[in-house]
PDB file of all heavy atoms in Angstrom:
ATOM      1  N   ASN A   1     146.351  93.245  82.691  1.00  0.00           N
ATOM      2  CA  ASN A   1     146.700  94.670  82.639  1.00  0.00           C
ATOM      3  C   ASN A   1     148.153  94.939  83.010  1.00  0.00           C
ATOM      4  O   ASN A   1     148.476  95.956  83.611  1.00  0.00           O
ATOM      5  CB  ASN A   1     145.777  95.482  83.552  1.00  0.00           C
ATOM      6  CG  ASN A   1     144.383  95.625  82.970  1.00  0.00           C
ATOM      7  OD1 ASN A   1     144.209  95.535  81.763  1.00  0.00           O
ATOM      8  ND2 ASN A   1     143.401  95.821  83.814  1.00  0.00           N
ATOM      9  N   ASP A   2     149.039  94.008  82.662  1.00  0.00           N
ATOM     10  CA  ASP A   2     150.461  94.207  82.936  1.00  0.00           C
ATOM     11  C   ASP A   2     151.061  95.096  81.845  1.00  0.00           C
ATOM     12  O   ASP A   2     150.842  94.865  80.660  1.00  0.00           O
ATOM     13  CB  ASP A   2     151.185  92.854  82.945  1.00  0.00           C
ATOM     14  CG  ASP A   2     152.642  92.984  83.312  1.00  0.00           C
ATOM     15  OD1 ASP A   2     152.932  93.774  84.229  1.00  0.00           O
ATOM     16  OD2 ASP A   2     153.487  92.310  82.711  1.00  0.00           O
ATOM     17  N   VAL A   3     151.805  96.133  82.239  1.00  0.00           N
ATOM     18  CA  VAL A   3     152.455  97.027  81.281  1.00  0.00           C
ATOM     19  C   VAL A   3     153.924  96.656  81.157  1.00  0.00           C
ATOM     20  O   VAL A   3     154.624  96.507  82.158  1.00  0.00           O
ATOM     21  CB  VAL A   3     152.339  98.506  81.718  1.00  0.00           C
ATOM     22  CG1 VAL A   3     153.113  99.412  80.768  1.00  0.00           C
ATOM     23  CG2 VAL A   3     150.872  98.926  81.745  1.00  0.00           C
ATOM     24  N   GLN A   4     154.372  96.443  79.925  1.00  0.00           N
ATOM     25  CA  GLN A   4     155.753  96.042  79.687  1.00  0.00           C
ATOM     26  C   GLN A   4     156.391  96.928  78.629  1.00  0.00           C
ATOM     27  O   GLN A   4     155.722  97.403  77.709  1.00  0.00           O
ATOM     28  CB  GLN A   4     155.836  94.591  79.188  1.00  0.00           C
ATOM     29  CG  GLN A   4     155.515  93.558  80.240  1.00  0.00           C
ATOM     30  CD  GLN A   4     155.711  92.150  79.710  1.00  0.00           C
ATOM     31  OE1 GLN A   4     155.876  91.942  78.512  1.00  0.00           O
ATOM     32  NE2 GLN A   4     155.690  91.180  80.595  1.00  0.00           N
ATOM     33  N   GLU A   5     157.682  97.138  78.778  1.00  0.00           N
ATOM     34  CA  GLU A   5     158.499  97.788  77.749  1.00  0.00           C
ATOM     35  C   GLU A   5     159.439  96.721  77.211  1.00  0.00           C
ATOM     36  O   GLU A   5     160.104  96.023  77.985  1.00  0.00           O
ATOM     37  CB  GLU A   5     159.303  98.941  78.351  1.00  0.00           C
ATOM     38  CG  GLU A   5     160.242  99.600  77.357  1.00  0.00           C
ATOM     39  CD  GLU A   5     161.163 100.612  78.039  1.00  0.00           C
ATOM     40  OE1 GLU A   5     160.848 101.063  79.151  1.00  0.00           O
ATOM     41  OE2 GLU A   5     162.204 100.929  77.446  1.00  0.00           O
ATOM     42  N   TRP A   6     159.474  96.549  75.892  1.00  0.00           N
ATOM     43  CA  TRP A   6     160.290  95.474  75.348  1.00  0.00           C
ATOM     44  C   TRP A   6     160.762  95.817  73.944  1.00  0.00           C
ATOM     45  O   TRP A   6     160.281  96.747  73.312  1.00  0.00           O
ATOM     46  CB  TRP A   6     159.520  94.151  75.346  1.00  0.00           C
ATOM     47  CG  TRP A   6     158.129  94.231  74.801  1.00  0.00           C
ATOM     48  CD1 TRP A   6     157.000  94.584  75.475  1.00  0.00           C
ATOM     49  CD2 TRP A   6     157.703  93.978  73.453  1.00  0.00           C
ATOM     50  NE1 TRP A   6     155.913  94.567  74.645  1.00  0.00           N
ATOM     51  CE2 TRP A   6     156.304  94.189  73.399  1.00  0.00           C
ATOM     52  CE3 TRP A   6     158.364  93.585  72.290  1.00  0.00           C
ATOM     53  CZ2 TRP A   6     155.581  94.023  72.236  1.00  0.00           C
ATOM     54  CZ3 TRP A   6     157.634  93.423  71.121  1.00  0.00           C
ATOM     55  CH2 TRP A   6     156.250  93.634  71.115  1.00  0.00           C
ATOM     56  N   THR A   7     161.757  95.040  73.482  1.00  0.00           N
ATOM     57  CA  THR A   7     162.363  95.252  72.165  1.00  0.00           C
ATOM     58  C   THR A   7     162.336  93.944  71.388  1.00  0.00           C
ATOM     59  O   THR A   7     162.649  92.889  71.953  1.00  0.00           O
ATOM     60  CB  THR A   7     163.825  95.722  72.308  1.00  0.00           C
ATOM     61  OG1 THR A   7     163.859  96.862  73.166  1.00  0.00           O
ATOM     62  CG2 THR A   7     164.414  96.085  70.958  1.00  0.00           C
ATOM     63  N   ASP A   8     161.967  94.002  70.093  1.00  0.00           N
ATOM     64  CA  ASP A   8     161.972  92.770  69.309  1.00  0.00           C
ATOM     65  C   ASP A   8     163.343  92.570  68.654  1.00  0.00           C
ATOM     66  O   ASP A   8     164.263  93.360  68.838  1.00  0.00           O
ATOM     67  CB  ASP A   8     160.835  92.742  68.277  1.00  0.00           C
ATOM     68  CG  ASP A   8     161.016  93.757  67.156  1.00  0.00           C
ATOM     69  OD1 ASP A   8     162.124  94.334  67.033  1.00  0.00           O
ATOM     70  OD2 ASP A   8     160.066  93.969  66.388  1.00  0.00           O
ATOM     71  N   ILE A   9     163.472  91.487  67.889  1.00  0.00           N
ATOM     72  CA  ILE A   9     164.778  91.121  67.324  1.00  0.00           C
ATOM     73  C   ILE A   9     165.256  92.132  66.284  1.00  0.00           C
ATOM     74  O   ILE A   9     166.448  92.215  65.983  1.00  0.00           O
ATOM     75  CB  ILE A   9     164.716  89.700  66.702  1.00  0.00           C
ATOM     76  CG1 ILE A   9     166.126  89.149  66.506  1.00  0.00           C
ATOM     77  CG2 ILE A   9     163.912  89.703  65.411  1.00  0.00           C
ATOM     78  CD1 ILE A   9     166.176  87.676  66.213  1.00  0.00           C
ATOM     79  N   ASN A  10     164.330  92.947  65.753  1.00  0.00           N
ATOM     80  CA  ASN A  10     164.697  93.982  64.779  1.00  0.00           C
ATOM     81  C   ASN A  10     165.058  95.312  65.437  1.00  0.00           C
ATOM     82  O   ASN A  10     165.317  96.301  64.758  1.00  0.00           O
ATOM     83  CB  ASN A  10     163.546  94.188  63.789  1.00  0.00           C
ATOM     84  CG  ASN A  10     163.232  92.936  63.006  1.00  0.00           C
ATOM     85  OD1 ASN A  10     164.125  92.307  62.468  1.00  0.00           O
ATOM     86  ND2 ASN A  10     161.961  92.556  62.966  1.00  0.00           N
ATOM     87  N   GLY A  11     165.053  95.334  66.773  1.00  0.00           N
ATOM     88  CA  GLY A  11     165.419  96.542  67.487  1.00  0.00           C
ATOM     89  C   GLY A  11     164.268  97.513  67.706  1.00  0.00           C
ATOM     90  O   GLY A  11     164.472  98.611  68.224  1.00  0.00           O
ATOM     91  N   LYS A  12     163.043  97.141  67.332  1.00  0.00           N
ATOM     92  CA  LYS A  12     161.885  98.013  67.528  1.00  0.00           C
ATOM     93  C   LYS A  12     161.460  97.972  69.000  1.00  0.00           C
ATOM     94  O   LYS A  12     161.364  96.905  69.596  1.00  0.00           O
ATOM     95  CB  LYS A  12     160.713  97.566  66.641  1.00  0.00           C
ATOM     96  CG  LYS A  12     160.985  97.732  65.156  1.00  0.00           C
ATOM     97  CD  LYS A  12     159.789  97.283  64.338  1.00  0.00           C
ATOM     98  CE  LYS A  12     160.060  97.436  62.838  1.00  0.00           C
ATOM     99  NZ  LYS A  12     158.924  96.957  62.023  1.00  0.00           N
ATOM    100  N   VAL A  13     161.207  99.148  69.559  1.00  0.00           N
ATOM    101  CA  VAL A  13     160.843  99.260  70.969  1.00  0.00           C
ATOM    102  C   VAL A  13     159.331  99.441  71.089  1.00  0.00           C
ATOM    103  O   VAL A  13     158.725 100.221  70.352  1.00  0.00           O
ATOM    104  CB  VAL A  13     161.571 100.442  71.631  1.00  0.00           C
ATOM    105  CG1 VAL A  13     161.190 100.550  73.105  1.00  0.00           C
ATOM    106  CG2 VAL A  13     163.082 100.278  71.488  1.00  0.00           C
ATOM    107  N   TYR A  14     158.708  98.723  72.031  1.00  0.00           N
ATOM    108  CA  TYR A  14     157.272  98.799  72.243  1.00  0.00           C
ATOM    109  C   TYR A  14     156.971  98.999  73.728  1.00  0.00           C
ATOM    110  O   TYR A  14     157.718  98.545  74.592  1.00  0.00           O
ATOM    111  CB  TYR A  14     156.579  97.508  71.787  1.00  0.00           C
ATOM    112  CG  TYR A  14     156.760  97.165  70.336  1.00  0.00           C
ATOM    113  CD1 TYR A  14     157.841  96.402  69.913  1.00  0.00           C
ATOM    114  CD2 TYR A  14     155.846  97.593  69.374  1.00  0.00           C
ATOM    115  CE1 TYR A  14     158.017  96.072  68.576  1.00  0.00           C
ATOM    116  CE2 TYR A  14     156.006  97.273  68.034  1.00  0.00           C
ATOM    117  CZ  TYR A  14     157.093  96.510  67.637  1.00  0.00           C
ATOM    118  OH  TYR A  14     157.264  96.186  66.320  1.00  0.00           O
ATOM    119  N   VAL A  15     155.868  99.676  73.992  1.00  0.00           N
ATOM    120  CA  VAL A  15     155.289  99.685  75.332  1.00  0.00           C
ATOM    121  C   VAL A  15     153.871  99.154  75.165  1.00  0.00           C
ATOM    122  O   VAL A  15     153.081  99.700  74.393  1.00  0.00           O
ATOM    123  CB  VAL A  15     155.260 101.105  75.941  1.00  0.00           C
ATOM    124  CG1 VAL A  15     154.599 101.059  77.313  1.00  0.00           C
ATOM    125  CG2 VAL A  15     156.671 101.650  76.063  1.00  0.00           C
ATOM    126  N   THR A  16     153.550  98.069  75.865  1.00  0.00           N
ATOM    127  CA  THR A  16     152.260  97.415  75.671  1.00  0.00           C
ATOM    128  C   THR A  16     151.586  97.117  77.005  1.00  0.00           C
ATOM    129  O   THR A  16     152.238  96.996  78.036  1.00  0.00           O
ATOM    130  CB  THR A  16     152.413  96.087  74.901  1.00  0.00           C
ATOM    131  OG1 THR A  16     153.288  95.215  75.638  1.00  0.00           O
ATOM    132  CG2 THR A  16     152.981  96.306  73.515  1.00  0.00           C
ATOM    133  N   GLN A  17     150.279  97.003  76.927  1.00  0.00           N
ATOM    134  CA  GLN A  17     149.490  96.548  78.064  1.00  0.00           C
ATOM    135  C   GLN A  17     148.941  95.174  77.690  1.00  0.00           C
ATOM    136  O   GLN A  17     148.366  94.997  76.612  1.00  0.00           O
ATOM    137  CB  GLN A  17     148.357  97.540  78.347  1.00  0.00           C
ATOM    138  CG  GLN A  17     147.580  97.228  79.607  1.00  0.00           C
ATOM    139  CD  GLN A  17     146.526  98.285  79.876  1.00  0.00           C
ATOM    140  OE1 GLN A  17     146.382  99.216  79.098  1.00  0.00           O
ATOM    141  NE2 GLN A  17     145.786  98.148  80.957  1.00  0.00           N
ATOM    142  N   ASN A  18     149.131  94.191  78.557  1.00  0.00           N
ATOM    143  CA  ASN A  18     148.873  92.804  78.177  1.00  0.00           C
ATOM    144  C   ASN A  18     147.875  92.110  79.103  1.00  0.00           C
ATOM    145  O   ASN A  18     147.837  92.388  80.309  1.00  0.00           O
ATOM    146  CB  ASN A  18     150.168  91.980  78.205  1.00  0.00           C
ATOM    147  CG  ASN A  18     151.313  92.664  77.498  1.00  0.00           C
ATOM    148  OD1 ASN A  18     151.135  93.227  76.433  1.00  0.00           O
ATOM    149  ND2 ASN A  18     152.490  92.635  78.101  1.00  0.00           N
ATOM    150  N   ILE A  19     147.112  91.206  78.515  1.00  0.00           N
ATOM    151  CA  ILE A  19     146.367  90.204  79.271  1.00  0.00           C
ATOM    152  C   ILE A  19     146.909  88.856  78.826  1.00  0.00           C
ATOM    153  O   ILE A  19     146.868  88.520  77.635  1.00  0.00           O
ATOM    154  CB  ILE A  19     144.849  90.289  79.007  1.00  0.00           C
ATOM    155  CG1 ILE A  19     144.278  91.582  79.582  1.00  0.00           C
ATOM    156  CG2 ILE A  19     144.139  89.084  79.607  1.00  0.00           C
ATOM    157  CD1 ILE A  19     142.798  91.745  79.361  1.00  0.00           C
ATOM    158  N   THR A  20     147.446  88.095  79.754  1.00  0.00           N
ATOM    159  CA  THR A  20     148.112  86.830  79.432  1.00  0.00           C
ATOM    160  C   THR A  20     147.368  85.686  80.112  1.00  0.00           C
ATOM    161  O   THR A  20     147.186  85.697  81.340  1.00  0.00           O
ATOM    162  CB  THR A  20     149.577  86.861  79.895  1.00  0.00           C
ATOM    163  OG1 THR A  20     150.153  88.116  79.523  1.00  0.00           O
ATOM    164  CG2 THR A  20     150.372  85.748  79.240  1.00  0.00           C
ATOM    165  N   ILE A  21     146.940  84.699  79.317  1.00  0.00           N
ATOM    166  CA  ILE A  21     146.052  83.641  79.803  1.00  0.00           C
ATOM    167  C   ILE A  21     146.683  82.274  79.547  1.00  0.00           C
ATOM    168  O   ILE A  21     147.126  81.990  78.427  1.00  0.00           O
ATOM    169  CB  ILE A  21     144.684  83.710  79.082  1.00  0.00           C
ATOM    170  CG1 ILE A  21     144.081  85.118  79.225  1.00  0.00           C
ATOM    171  CG2 ILE A  21     143.735  82.646  79.611  1.00  0.00           C
ATOM    172  CD1 ILE A  21     142.922  85.385  78.295  1.00  0.00           C
ATOM    173  N   PRO A  22     146.744  81.386  80.572  1.00  0.00           N
ATOM    174  CA  PRO A  22     147.319  80.052  80.359  1.00  0.00           C
ATOM    175  C   PRO A  22     146.333  79.116  79.645  1.00  0.00           C
ATOM    176  O   PRO A  22     145.109  79.249  79.780  1.00  0.00           O
ATOM    177  CB  PRO A  22     147.590  79.569  81.791  1.00  0.00           C
ATOM    178  CG  PRO A  22     146.568  80.277  82.625  1.00  0.00           C
ATOM    179  CD  PRO A  22     146.350  81.623  81.974  1.00  0.00           C
ATOM    180  N   LEU A  23     146.877  78.180  78.863  1.00  0.00           N
ATOM    181  CA  LEU A  23     146.084  77.143  78.206  1.00  0.00           C
ATOM    182  C   LEU A  23     146.398  75.804  78.870  1.00  0.00           C
ATOM    183  O   LEU A  23     147.573  75.437  79.010  1.00  0.00           O
ATOM    184  CB  LEU A  23     146.414  77.081  76.713  1.00  0.00           C
ATOM    185  CG  LEU A  23     146.186  78.362  75.903  1.00  0.00           C
ATOM    186  CD1 LEU A  23     146.689  78.186  74.483  1.00  0.00           C
ATOM    187  CD2 LEU A  23     144.710  78.741  75.896  1.00  0.00           C
ATOM    188  N   PHE A  24     145.365  75.074  79.279  1.00  0.00           N
ATOM    189  CA  PHE A  24     145.558  73.831  80.022  1.00  0.00           C
ATOM    190  C   PHE A  24     145.119  72.621  79.200  1.00  0.00           C
ATOM    191  O   PHE A  24     144.214  72.699  78.379  1.00  0.00           O
ATOM    192  CB  PHE A  24     144.756  73.854  81.329  1.00  0.00           C
ATOM    193  CG  PHE A  24     145.260  74.842  82.342  1.00  0.00           C
ATOM    194  CD1 PHE A  24     144.730  76.125  82.395  1.00  0.00           C
ATOM    195  CD2 PHE A  24     146.252  74.490  83.246  1.00  0.00           C
ATOM    196  CE1 PHE A  24     145.182  77.045  83.329  1.00  0.00           C
ATOM    197  CE2 PHE A  24     146.716  75.406  84.190  1.00  0.00           C
ATOM    198  CZ  PHE A  24     146.176  76.681  84.233  1.00  0.00           C
ATOM    199  N   ASN A  25     145.783  71.499  79.449  1.00  0.00           N
ATOM    200  CA  ASN A  25     145.372  70.201  78.913  1.00  0.00           C
ATOM    201  C   ASN A  25     145.626  69.159  80.001  1.00  0.00           C
ATOM    202  O   ASN A  25     146.774  68.946  80.411  1.00  0.00           O
ATOM    203  CB  ASN A  25     146.154  69.846  77.648  1.00  0.00           C
ATOM    204  CG  ASN A  25     145.685  68.531  77.041  1.00  0.00           C
ATOM    205  OD1 ASN A  25     144.533  68.134  77.219  1.00  0.00           O
ATOM    206  ND2 ASN A  25     146.584  67.854  76.331  1.00  0.00           N
ATOM    207  N   GLU A  26     144.541  68.568  80.497  1.00  0.00           N
ATOM    208  CA  GLU A  26     144.626  67.584  81.581  1.00  0.00           C
ATOM    209  C   GLU A  26     145.373  68.145  82.794  1.00  0.00           C
ATOM    210  O   GLU A  26     146.213  67.485  83.414  1.00  0.00           O
ATOM    211  CB  GLU A  26     145.296  66.293  81.096  1.00  0.00           C
ATOM    212  CG  GLU A  26     144.516  65.590  79.990  1.00  0.00           C
ATOM    213  CD  GLU A  26     145.176  64.294  79.540  1.00  0.00           C
ATOM    214  OE1 GLU A  26     146.296  64.016  80.008  1.00  0.00           O
ATOM    215  OE2 GLU A  26     144.567  63.580  78.745  1.00  0.00           O
ATOM    216  N   GLY A  27     145.071  69.397  83.100  1.00  0.00           N
ATOM    217  CA  GLY A  27     145.633  70.005  84.289  1.00  0.00           C
ATOM    218  C   GLY A  27     147.024  70.578  84.135  1.00  0.00           C
ATOM    219  O   GLY A  27     147.557  71.177  85.069  1.00  0.00           O
ATOM    220  N   GLN A  28     147.639  70.423  82.955  1.00  0.00           N
ATOM    221  CA  GLN A  28     148.979  70.926  82.724  1.00  0.00           C
ATOM    222  C   GLN A  28     148.949  72.119  81.766  1.00  0.00           C
ATOM    223  O   GLN A  28     148.174  72.125  80.806  1.00  0.00           O
ATOM    224  CB  GLN A  28     149.868  69.819  82.119  1.00  0.00           C
ATOM    225  CG  GLN A  28     150.026  68.586  83.008  1.00  0.00           C
ATOM    226  CD  GLN A  28     150.775  68.893  84.287  1.00  0.00           C
ATOM    227  OE1 GLN A  28     151.769  69.618  84.275  1.00  0.00           O
ATOM    228  NE2 GLN A  28     150.302  68.331  85.393  1.00  0.00           N
ATOM    229  N   VAL A  29     149.801  73.122  82.049  1.00  0.00           N
ATOM    230  CA  VAL A  29     149.897  74.272  81.153  1.00  0.00           C
ATOM    231  C   VAL A  29     150.613  73.838  79.873  1.00  0.00           C
ATOM    232  O   VAL A  29     151.747  73.358  79.915  1.00  0.00           O
ATOM    233  CB  VAL A  29     150.674  75.440  81.808  1.00  0.00           C
ATOM    234  CG1 VAL A  29     150.791  76.608  80.824  1.00  0.00           C
ATOM    235  CG2 VAL A  29     149.985  75.907  83.075  1.00  0.00           C
ATOM    236  N   VAL A  30     149.948  73.997  78.729  1.00  0.00           N
ATOM    237  CA  VAL A  30     150.534  73.584  77.445  1.00  0.00           C
ATOM    238  C   VAL A  30     150.834  74.784  76.545  1.00  0.00           C
ATOM    239  O   VAL A  30     151.407  74.641  75.472  1.00  0.00           O
ATOM    240  CB  VAL A  30     149.605  72.602  76.702  1.00  0.00           C
ATOM    241  CG1 VAL A  30     149.466  71.306  77.477  1.00  0.00           C
ATOM    242  CG2 VAL A  30     148.228  73.237  76.452  1.00  0.00           C
TER     243      VAL A  30
END
């Protein structure tokens, strides 16, 4: 539920709410 304001390479501005999840392989974030 992190809220971020950001701009992409085309200059478009977004405000988004995110869920960000790590992916692991043998204990390491890949």
